[in-house]
Amino acid sequence: MLHHMMASIPFEVLAAPNDDLQTDQLADWLRQIFGPLFLVIVSIVAIFFLFTREITRFVQFIVLAIGIGVVFYVPNIIETTARAIARALGVDLT
């Protein structure tokens, strides 16, 4: 019975795993998940600050949000930063 079940599983599933770390699309995946979530959180907090009339905190928050938004929406900044950190730690990138 087990032999018949194993024979029905496609070869790609049974093949040996590729142990190479694949991070080609990791930055895009993170942008797809955290980008919209970031915008929702920024909107809610900004509306809260405006309704409570805390203009100074609102301006500070917007400056911080713009800085963080650059990380999510500027192309290749995550990859460039990751490579710089890896080089600083002495990781071989070849």
N, C-alpha and C. Protein backbone atom coordinates (compact mmCIF):
# COMPACT_ATOMS: atom_id res chain seq x y z
N MET A 1 0.83 -1.19 0.00
CA MET A 1 0.00 0.00 0.00
C MET A 1 0.87 1.26 0.00
N LEU A 2 1.89 1.30 0.86
CA LEU A 2 2.78 2.46 0.93
C LEU A 2 3.53 2.63 -0.39
N HIS A 3 3.91 1.52 -1.02
CA HIS A 3 4.61 1.61 -2.28
C HIS A 3 3.75 2.27 -3.35
N HIS A 4 2.46 1.96 -3.38
CA HIS A 4 1.55 2.55 -4.36
C HIS A 4 1.36 4.04 -4.10
N MET A 5 1.32 4.42 -2.84
CA MET A 5 1.17 5.83 -2.51
C MET A 5 2.42 6.61 -2.91
N MET A 6 3.59 6.05 -2.66
CA MET A 6 4.84 6.72 -3.01
C MET A 6 4.98 6.82 -4.53
N ALA A 7 4.50 5.83 -5.26
CA ALA A 7 4.60 5.84 -6.71
C ALA A 7 3.68 6.90 -7.32
N SER A 8 2.61 7.25 -6.62
CA SER A 8 1.67 8.23 -7.17
C SER A 8 2.09 9.67 -6.90
N ILE A 9 3.09 9.89 -6.05
CA ILE A 9 3.57 11.24 -5.75
C ILE A 9 4.47 11.69 -6.89
N PRO A 10 4.27 12.91 -7.39
CA PRO A 10 5.13 13.39 -8.50
C PRO A 10 6.60 13.41 -8.10
N PHE A 11 7.45 13.28 -9.13
CA PHE A 11 8.90 13.22 -8.89
C PHE A 11 9.42 14.49 -8.25
N GLU A 12 8.85 15.66 -8.61
CA GLU A 12 9.33 16.92 -8.07
C GLU A 12 9.20 16.97 -6.55
N VAL A 13 8.19 16.31 -6.03
CA VAL A 13 7.99 16.29 -4.58
C VAL A 13 9.00 15.37 -3.91
N LEU A 14 9.30 14.27 -4.55
CA LEU A 14 10.21 13.29 -3.96
C LEU A 14 11.68 13.62 -4.21
N ALA A 15 11.96 14.51 -5.13
CA ALA A 15 13.35 14.82 -5.47
C ALA A 15 14.07 15.43 -4.27
N ALA A 16 15.37 15.32 -4.29
CA ALA A 16 16.18 15.87 -3.22
C ALA A 16 16.02 17.40 -3.20
N PRO A 17 15.92 17.97 -2.02
CA PRO A 17 15.73 19.42 -1.96
C PRO A 17 16.96 20.17 -2.43
N ASN A 18 16.74 21.33 -3.00
CA ASN A 18 17.82 22.20 -3.40
C ASN A 18 18.23 23.01 -2.17
N ASP A 19 19.43 22.77 -1.69
CA ASP A 19 19.86 23.39 -0.45
C ASP A 19 20.36 24.82 -0.62
N ASP A 20 20.39 25.31 -1.86
CA ASP A 20 20.82 26.69 -2.08
C ASP A 20 19.76 27.64 -1.56
N LEU A 21 20.19 28.68 -0.90
CA LEU A 21 19.28 29.68 -0.38
C LEU A 21 18.81 30.57 -1.52
N GLN A 22 17.52 30.58 -1.81
CA GLN A 22 16.95 31.37 -2.90
C GLN A 22 16.26 32.60 -2.33
N THR A 23 16.87 33.75 -2.52
CA THR A 23 16.29 34.99 -1.99
C THR A 23 16.02 36.00 -3.09
N ASP A 24 15.90 35.53 -4.32
CA ASP A 24 15.73 36.44 -5.45
C ASP A 24 14.47 37.30 -5.32
N GLN A 25 13.39 36.70 -4.91
CA GLN A 25 12.12 37.42 -4.85
C GLN A 25 11.71 37.78 -3.43
N LEU A 26 12.62 37.66 -2.48
CA LEU A 26 12.28 37.93 -1.08
C LEU A 26 11.88 39.37 -0.87
N ALA A 27 12.59 40.31 -1.44
CA ALA A 27 12.26 41.72 -1.25
C ALA A 27 10.89 42.04 -1.83
N ASP A 28 10.58 41.49 -3.00
CA ASP A 28 9.26 41.73 -3.59
C ASP A 28 8.15 41.14 -2.72
N TRP A 29 8.40 39.96 -2.19
CA TRP A 29 7.42 39.33 -1.32
C TRP A 29 7.18 40.16 -0.06
N LEU A 30 8.27 40.67 0.54
CA LEU A 30 8.12 41.51 1.72
C LEU A 30 7.37 42.79 1.40
N ARG A 31 7.64 43.39 0.24
CA ARG A 31 6.92 44.60 -0.15
C ARG A 31 5.44 44.33 -0.33
N GLN A 32 5.10 43.17 -0.89
CA GLN A 32 3.70 42.84 -1.11
C GLN A 32 2.95 42.65 0.20
N ILE A 33 3.62 42.13 1.21
CA ILE A 33 2.95 41.89 2.48
C ILE A 33 2.96 43.12 3.37
N PHE A 34 4.13 43.70 3.57
CA PHE A 34 4.26 44.78 4.55
C PHE A 34 3.94 46.16 4.00
N GLY A 35 4.00 46.35 2.69
CA GLY A 35 3.71 47.66 2.11
C GLY A 35 2.29 48.13 2.39
N PRO A 36 1.26 47.37 2.01
CA PRO A 36 -0.10 47.79 2.30
C PRO A 36 -0.41 47.87 3.79
N LEU A 37 0.15 46.94 4.57
CA LEU A 37 -0.04 46.98 6.02
C LEU A 37 0.56 48.24 6.60
N PHE A 38 1.71 48.64 6.12
CA PHE A 38 2.36 49.87 6.55
C PHE A 38 1.49 51.08 6.25
N LEU A 39 0.92 51.13 5.06
CA LEU A 39 0.07 52.27 4.69
C LEU A 39 -1.18 52.36 5.57
N VAL A 40 -1.77 51.23 5.91
CA VAL A 40 -2.95 51.24 6.78
C VAL A 40 -2.59 51.74 8.17
N ILE A 41 -1.50 51.26 8.72
CA ILE A 41 -1.09 51.68 10.07
C ILE A 41 -0.75 53.16 10.09
N VAL A 42 -0.03 53.64 9.07
CA VAL A 42 0.32 55.07 8.99
C VAL A 42 -0.95 55.91 8.91
N SER A 43 -1.90 55.48 8.13
CA SER A 43 -3.14 56.24 7.99
C SER A 43 -3.90 56.33 9.30
N ILE A 44 -4.02 55.22 10.00
CA ILE A 44 -4.77 55.20 11.27
C ILE A 44 -4.09 56.08 12.30
N VAL A 45 -2.78 55.97 12.45
CA VAL A 45 -2.06 56.76 13.44
C VAL A 45 -2.09 58.24 13.08
N ALA A 46 -1.96 58.57 11.80
CA ALA A 46 -2.00 59.96 11.38
C ALA A 46 -3.37 60.58 11.66
N ILE A 47 -4.43 59.86 11.37
CA ILE A 47 -5.77 60.36 11.67
C ILE A 47 -5.96 60.56 13.16
N PHE A 48 -5.43 59.64 13.97
CA PHE A 48 -5.52 59.79 15.42
C PHE A 48 -4.83 61.07 15.88
N PHE A 49 -3.62 61.31 15.40
CA PHE A 49 -2.89 62.52 15.79
C PHE A 49 -3.61 63.78 15.33
N LEU A 50 -4.21 63.74 14.17
CA LEU A 50 -4.93 64.92 13.70
C LEU A 50 -6.19 65.19 14.51
N PHE A 51 -6.92 64.15 14.87
CA PHE A 51 -8.14 64.34 15.65
C PHE A 51 -7.85 64.78 17.08
N THR A 52 -6.71 64.37 17.61
CA THR A 52 -6.36 64.80 18.98
C THR A 52 -5.61 66.12 18.98
N ARG A 53 -5.40 66.69 17.79
CA ARG A 53 -4.75 67.99 17.60
C ARG A 53 -3.33 68.02 18.16
N GLU A 54 -2.61 66.94 17.99
CA GLU A 54 -1.21 66.87 18.40
C GLU A 54 -0.36 67.04 17.13
N ILE A 55 -0.26 68.28 16.69
CA ILE A 55 0.38 68.57 15.42
C ILE A 55 1.87 68.25 15.46
N THR A 56 2.55 68.53 16.56
CA THR A 56 3.99 68.25 16.66
C THR A 56 4.26 66.75 16.53
N ARG A 57 3.50 65.95 17.24
CA ARG A 57 3.67 64.50 17.16
C ARG A 57 3.29 63.99 15.77
N PHE A 58 2.29 64.62 15.16
CA PHE A 58 1.88 64.25 13.80
C PHE A 58 3.03 64.48 12.82
N VAL A 59 3.67 65.64 12.90
CA VAL A 59 4.78 65.96 12.00
C VAL A 59 5.94 64.99 12.24
N GLN A 60 6.26 64.70 13.49
CA GLN A 60 7.34 63.75 13.79
C GLN A 60 7.01 62.38 13.23
N PHE A 61 5.76 61.97 13.38
CA PHE A 61 5.35 60.66 12.89
C PHE A 61 5.42 60.59 11.36
N ILE A 62 5.00 61.65 10.69
CA ILE A 62 5.03 61.66 9.23
C ILE A 62 6.47 61.60 8.71
N VAL A 63 7.38 62.31 9.35
CA VAL A 63 8.79 62.25 8.95
C VAL A 63 9.33 60.83 9.12
N LEU A 64 9.01 60.21 10.23
CA LEU A 64 9.43 58.82 10.47
C LEU A 64 8.79 57.88 9.46
N ALA A 65 7.51 58.07 9.17
CA ALA A 65 6.81 57.21 8.22
C ALA A 65 7.40 57.35 6.82
N ILE A 66 7.77 58.56 6.43
CA ILE A 66 8.39 58.74 5.12
C ILE A 66 9.73 58.00 5.06
N GLY A 67 10.51 58.08 6.14
CA GLY A 67 11.79 57.36 6.18
C GLY A 67 11.61 55.86 6.06
N ILE A 68 10.61 55.33 6.75
CA ILE A 68 10.35 53.89 6.67
C ILE A 68 9.74 53.53 5.32
N GLY A 69 8.89 54.41 4.79
CA GLY A 69 8.28 54.16 3.49
C GLY A 69 9.29 54.07 2.37
N VAL A 70 10.39 54.80 2.49
CA VAL A 70 11.45 54.72 1.49
C VAL A 70 11.98 53.29 1.40
N VAL A 71 12.10 52.62 2.53
CA VAL A 71 12.60 51.24 2.54
C VAL A 71 11.66 50.32 1.77
N PHE A 72 10.34 50.53 1.90
CA PHE A 72 9.39 49.65 1.23
C PHE A 72 9.20 49.96 -0.25
N TYR A 73 9.33 51.21 -0.63
CA TYR A 73 8.90 51.58 -1.97
C TYR A 73 10.00 52.02 -2.93
N VAL A 74 11.22 52.25 -2.47
CA VAL A 74 12.31 52.58 -3.39
C VAL A 74 12.89 51.28 -3.92
N PRO A 75 12.97 51.15 -5.24
CA PRO A 75 13.47 49.89 -5.81
C PRO A 75 14.92 49.60 -5.39
N ASN A 76 15.18 48.35 -5.10
CA ASN A 76 16.52 47.81 -4.80
C ASN A 76 17.16 48.33 -3.52
N ILE A 77 16.48 49.09 -2.70
CA ILE A 77 17.12 49.58 -1.48
C ILE A 77 17.30 48.45 -0.46
N ILE A 78 16.36 47.52 -0.43
CA ILE A 78 16.48 46.40 0.51
C ILE A 78 17.67 45.52 0.11
N GLU A 79 17.78 45.24 -1.19
CA GLU A 79 18.88 44.40 -1.66
C GLU A 79 20.22 45.08 -1.43
N THR A 80 20.30 46.38 -1.71
CA THR A 80 21.54 47.12 -1.52
C THR A 80 21.94 47.16 -0.06
N THR A 81 20.96 47.39 0.80
CA THR A 81 21.24 47.43 2.24
C THR A 81 21.66 46.05 2.75
N ALA A 82 21.00 45.00 2.27
CA ALA A 82 21.36 43.64 2.70
C ALA A 82 22.77 43.28 2.26
N ARG A 83 23.14 43.66 1.03
CA ARG A 83 24.50 43.39 0.56
C ARG A 83 25.53 44.15 1.38
N ALA A 84 25.22 45.41 1.71
CA ALA A 84 26.15 46.21 2.51
C ALA A 84 26.34 45.61 3.90
N ILE A 85 25.26 45.16 4.50
CA ILE A 85 25.35 44.54 5.83
C ILE A 85 26.14 43.24 5.74
N ALA A 86 25.88 42.44 4.69
CA ALA A 86 26.61 41.17 4.53
C ALA A 86 28.11 41.42 4.34
N ARG A 87 28.45 42.42 3.53
CA ARG A 87 29.88 42.74 3.36
C ARG A 87 30.50 43.23 4.66
N ALA A 88 29.76 44.01 5.42
CA ALA A 88 30.28 44.52 6.69
C ALA A 88 30.52 43.37 7.68
N LEU A 89 29.70 42.33 7.57
CA LEU A 89 29.86 41.17 8.46
C LEU A 89 30.88 40.17 7.93
N GLY A 90 31.39 40.41 6.72
CA GLY A 90 32.41 39.53 6.17
C GLY A 90 31.87 38.34 5.43
N VAL A 91 30.61 38.36 4.99
CA VAL A 91 30.02 37.25 4.27
C VAL A 91 30.45 37.34 2.80
N ASP A 92 30.84 36.21 2.22
CA ASP A 92 31.25 36.16 0.83
C ASP A 92 30.01 36.13 -0.06
N LEU A 93 29.85 37.10 -0.95
CA LEU A 93 28.66 37.22 -1.77
C LEU A 93 28.81 36.66 -3.18
N THR A 94 29.92 36.01 -3.47
CA THR A 94 30.13 35.50 -4.83
C THR A 94 29.46 34.20 -5.08
